[in-house]
Amino acid sequence: MKNRNLWRTIFALSALVTLIGLGFIAYNHFVFHQPFMNRTTKGLLSAFFLSLVMVAISLSKSNDKK
């Protein structure tokens, strides 16, 4: 697996985990009337944006561009 494909896979997995987590948080918000922006939501979003920055930096430094 090329380095570029690895980083794309990491980004896709990060986005998938974030969307699943946000789905659970939305469910808790509407069913159990819990606040939407809690520690878990902030943690999920910050982890996603951190991985987004990491992937963007790695892809910009990649030598196997097509």
N, C-alpha and C. Protein backbone atom coordinates (compact mmCIF):
# COMPACT_ATOMS: atom_id res chain seq x y z
N MET A 1 0.84 -1.17 0.00
CA MET A 1 0.00 0.00 0.00
C MET A 1 0.89 1.24 0.00
N LYS A 2 0.61 2.12 -0.92
CA LYS A 2 1.40 3.34 -1.00
C LYS A 2 1.08 4.26 0.17
N ASN A 3 2.01 5.14 0.44
CA ASN A 3 1.87 6.07 1.56
C ASN A 3 0.62 6.94 1.40
N ARG A 4 0.37 7.37 0.18
CA ARG A 4 -0.78 8.24 -0.09
C ARG A 4 -2.10 7.51 0.19
N ASN A 5 -2.18 6.24 -0.22
CA ASN A 5 -3.39 5.46 0.03
C ASN A 5 -3.58 5.19 1.52
N LEU A 6 -2.48 5.01 2.23
CA LEU A 6 -2.56 4.80 3.67
C LEU A 6 -3.17 6.01 4.37
N TRP A 7 -2.73 7.20 4.00
CA TRP A 7 -3.26 8.40 4.63
C TRP A 7 -4.71 8.64 4.25
N ARG A 8 -5.09 8.29 3.04
CA ARG A 8 -6.50 8.40 2.65
C ARG A 8 -7.36 7.43 3.44
N THR A 9 -6.84 6.23 3.68
CA THR A 9 -7.57 5.25 4.48
C THR A 9 -7.72 5.72 5.92
N ILE A 10 -6.66 6.28 6.47
CA ILE A 10 -6.73 6.82 7.84
C ILE A 10 -7.76 7.93 7.92
N PHE A 11 -7.80 8.80 6.91
CA PHE A 11 -8.79 9.87 6.91
C PHE A 11 -10.20 9.31 6.81
N ALA A 12 -10.41 8.33 5.96
CA ALA A 12 -11.75 7.74 5.81
C ALA A 12 -12.21 7.06 7.11
N LEU A 13 -11.32 6.34 7.77
CA LEU A 13 -11.67 5.71 9.04
C LEU A 13 -11.97 6.75 10.11
N SER A 14 -11.21 7.82 10.14
CA SER A 14 -11.45 8.88 11.10
C SER A 14 -12.81 9.54 10.88
N ALA A 15 -13.14 9.78 9.62
CA ALA A 15 -14.44 10.38 9.31
C ALA A 15 -15.57 9.43 9.67
N LEU A 16 -15.40 8.14 9.42
CA LEU A 16 -16.43 7.16 9.73
C LEU A 16 -16.67 7.06 11.24
N VAL A 17 -15.60 7.00 12.01
CA VAL A 17 -15.74 6.93 13.47
C VAL A 17 -16.39 8.20 14.01
N THR A 18 -16.02 9.36 13.45
CA THR A 18 -16.61 10.61 13.90
C THR A 18 -18.10 10.65 13.59
N LEU A 19 -18.49 10.23 12.40
CA LEU A 19 -19.91 10.23 12.04
C LEU A 19 -20.72 9.27 12.89
N ILE A 20 -20.18 8.11 13.19
CA ILE A 20 -20.88 7.16 14.06
C ILE A 20 -21.04 7.76 15.46
N GLY A 21 -19.98 8.36 15.97
CA GLY A 21 -20.06 8.99 17.29
C GLY A 21 -21.05 10.13 17.33
N LEU A 22 -21.07 10.96 16.28
CA LEU A 22 -22.04 12.06 16.24
C LEU A 22 -23.47 11.53 16.13
N GLY A 23 -23.64 10.39 15.47
CA GLY A 23 -24.96 9.77 15.41
C GLY A 23 -25.44 9.34 16.79
N PHE A 24 -24.56 8.73 17.57
CA PHE A 24 -24.93 8.35 18.93
C PHE A 24 -25.23 9.57 19.80
N ILE A 25 -24.46 10.63 19.61
CA ILE A 25 -24.69 11.84 20.38
C ILE A 25 -26.01 12.48 20.00
N ALA A 26 -26.34 12.49 18.71
CA ALA A 26 -27.64 13.03 18.27
C ALA A 26 -28.78 12.19 18.83
N TYR A 27 -28.61 10.87 18.86
CA TYR A 27 -29.62 9.99 19.45
C TYR A 27 -29.84 10.33 20.92
N ASN A 28 -28.75 10.47 21.67
CA ASN A 28 -28.87 10.84 23.09
C ASN A 28 -29.52 12.20 23.26
N HIS A 29 -29.25 13.11 22.33
CA HIS A 29 -29.82 14.46 22.42
C HIS A 29 -31.33 14.42 22.23
N PHE A 30 -31.80 13.70 21.24
CA PHE A 30 -33.23 13.71 20.94
C PHE A 30 -34.03 12.75 21.82
N VAL A 31 -33.47 11.63 22.21
CA VAL A 31 -34.22 10.64 23.00
C VAL A 31 -34.15 10.94 24.49
N PHE A 32 -32.96 11.25 24.99
CA PHE A 32 -32.78 11.44 26.42
C PHE A 32 -32.66 12.91 26.82
N HIS A 33 -32.80 13.82 25.87
CA HIS A 33 -32.78 15.26 26.11
C HIS A 33 -31.50 15.72 26.82
N GLN A 34 -30.38 15.18 26.36
CA GLN A 34 -29.09 15.60 26.86
C GLN A 34 -28.54 16.70 25.96
N PRO A 35 -27.70 17.57 26.48
CA PRO A 35 -27.14 18.62 25.62
C PRO A 35 -26.28 18.03 24.51
N PHE A 36 -26.34 18.66 23.34
CA PHE A 36 -25.60 18.14 22.18
C PHE A 36 -24.11 18.44 22.29
N MET A 37 -23.76 19.66 22.63
CA MET A 37 -22.35 20.04 22.72
C MET A 37 -21.84 19.73 24.13
N ASN A 38 -21.44 18.50 24.35
CA ASN A 38 -20.86 18.13 25.63
C ASN A 38 -19.40 17.75 25.43
N ARG A 39 -18.79 17.16 26.46
CA ARG A 39 -17.36 16.83 26.36
C ARG A 39 -17.09 15.81 25.26
N THR A 40 -18.01 14.87 25.09
CA THR A 40 -17.80 13.84 24.07
C THR A 40 -17.82 14.42 22.67
N THR A 41 -18.77 15.32 22.41
CA THR A 41 -18.87 15.95 21.09
C THR A 41 -17.62 16.76 20.80
N LYS A 42 -17.19 17.53 21.76
CA LYS A 42 -15.99 18.35 21.57
C LYS A 42 -14.76 17.47 21.35
N GLY A 43 -14.68 16.36 22.06
CA GLY A 43 -13.56 15.45 21.89
C GLY A 43 -13.56 14.80 20.52
N LEU A 44 -14.73 14.37 20.06
CA LEU A 44 -14.83 13.77 18.73
C LEU A 44 -14.43 14.76 17.64
N LEU A 45 -14.96 15.96 17.73
CA LEU A 45 -14.66 16.96 16.71
C LEU A 45 -13.21 17.39 16.73
N SER A 46 -12.64 17.54 17.91
CA SER A 46 -11.23 17.93 17.98
C SER A 46 -10.33 16.81 17.46
N ALA A 47 -10.66 15.56 17.77
CA ALA A 47 -9.86 14.45 17.25
C ALA A 47 -9.97 14.36 15.73
N PHE A 48 -11.17 14.60 15.19
CA PHE A 48 -11.34 14.56 13.74
C PHE A 48 -10.53 15.67 13.07
N PHE A 49 -10.60 16.89 13.59
CA PHE A 49 -9.87 17.98 12.95
C PHE A 49 -8.37 17.82 13.13
N LEU A 50 -7.93 17.22 14.23
CA LEU A 50 -6.51 16.94 14.39
C LEU A 50 -6.03 15.92 13.36
N SER A 51 -6.83 14.88 13.13
CA SER A 51 -6.45 13.90 12.12
C SER A 51 -6.52 14.50 10.72
N LEU A 52 -7.47 15.40 10.50
CA LEU A 52 -7.56 16.09 9.21
C LEU A 52 -6.30 16.90 8.93
N VAL A 53 -5.82 17.62 9.93
CA VAL A 53 -4.59 18.40 9.77
C VAL A 53 -3.41 17.47 9.54
N MET A 54 -3.35 16.38 10.29
CA MET A 54 -2.25 15.43 10.15
C MET A 54 -2.22 14.82 8.74
N VAL A 55 -3.38 14.44 8.22
CA VAL A 55 -3.45 13.86 6.89
C VAL A 55 -3.11 14.90 5.83
N ALA A 56 -3.59 16.13 5.99
CA ALA A 56 -3.30 17.18 5.02
C ALA A 56 -1.80 17.48 4.95
N ILE A 57 -1.16 17.54 6.10
CA ILE A 57 0.28 17.80 6.12
C ILE A 57 1.04 16.65 5.48
N SER A 58 0.66 15.44 5.79
CA SER A 58 1.35 14.28 5.23
C SER A 58 1.15 14.17 3.73
N LEU A 59 -0.05 14.45 3.25
CA LEU A 59 -0.29 14.37 1.81
C LEU A 59 0.40 15.50 1.05
N SER A 60 0.55 16.66 1.70
CA SER A 60 1.24 17.76 1.01
C SER A 60 2.74 17.49 0.90
N LYS A 61 3.30 16.70 1.83
CA LYS A 61 4.72 16.37 1.78
C LYS A 61 5.00 15.08 1.00
N SER A 62 3.94 14.46 0.51
CA SER A 62 4.10 13.16 -0.17
C SER A 62 4.84 13.35 -1.50
N ASN A 63 5.72 12.40 -1.81
CA ASN A 63 6.50 12.45 -3.04
C ASN A 63 5.87 11.69 -4.19
N ASP A 64 4.89 10.85 -3.91
CA ASP A 64 4.29 10.04 -4.98
C ASP A 64 3.01 10.64 -5.51
N LYS A 65 3.05 11.92 -5.83
CA LYS A 65 1.89 12.61 -6.40
C LYS A 65 1.72 12.20 -7.85
N LYS A 66 0.46 12.15 -8.28
CA LYS A 66 0.20 11.77 -9.68
C LYS A 66 -0.31 12.95 -10.46
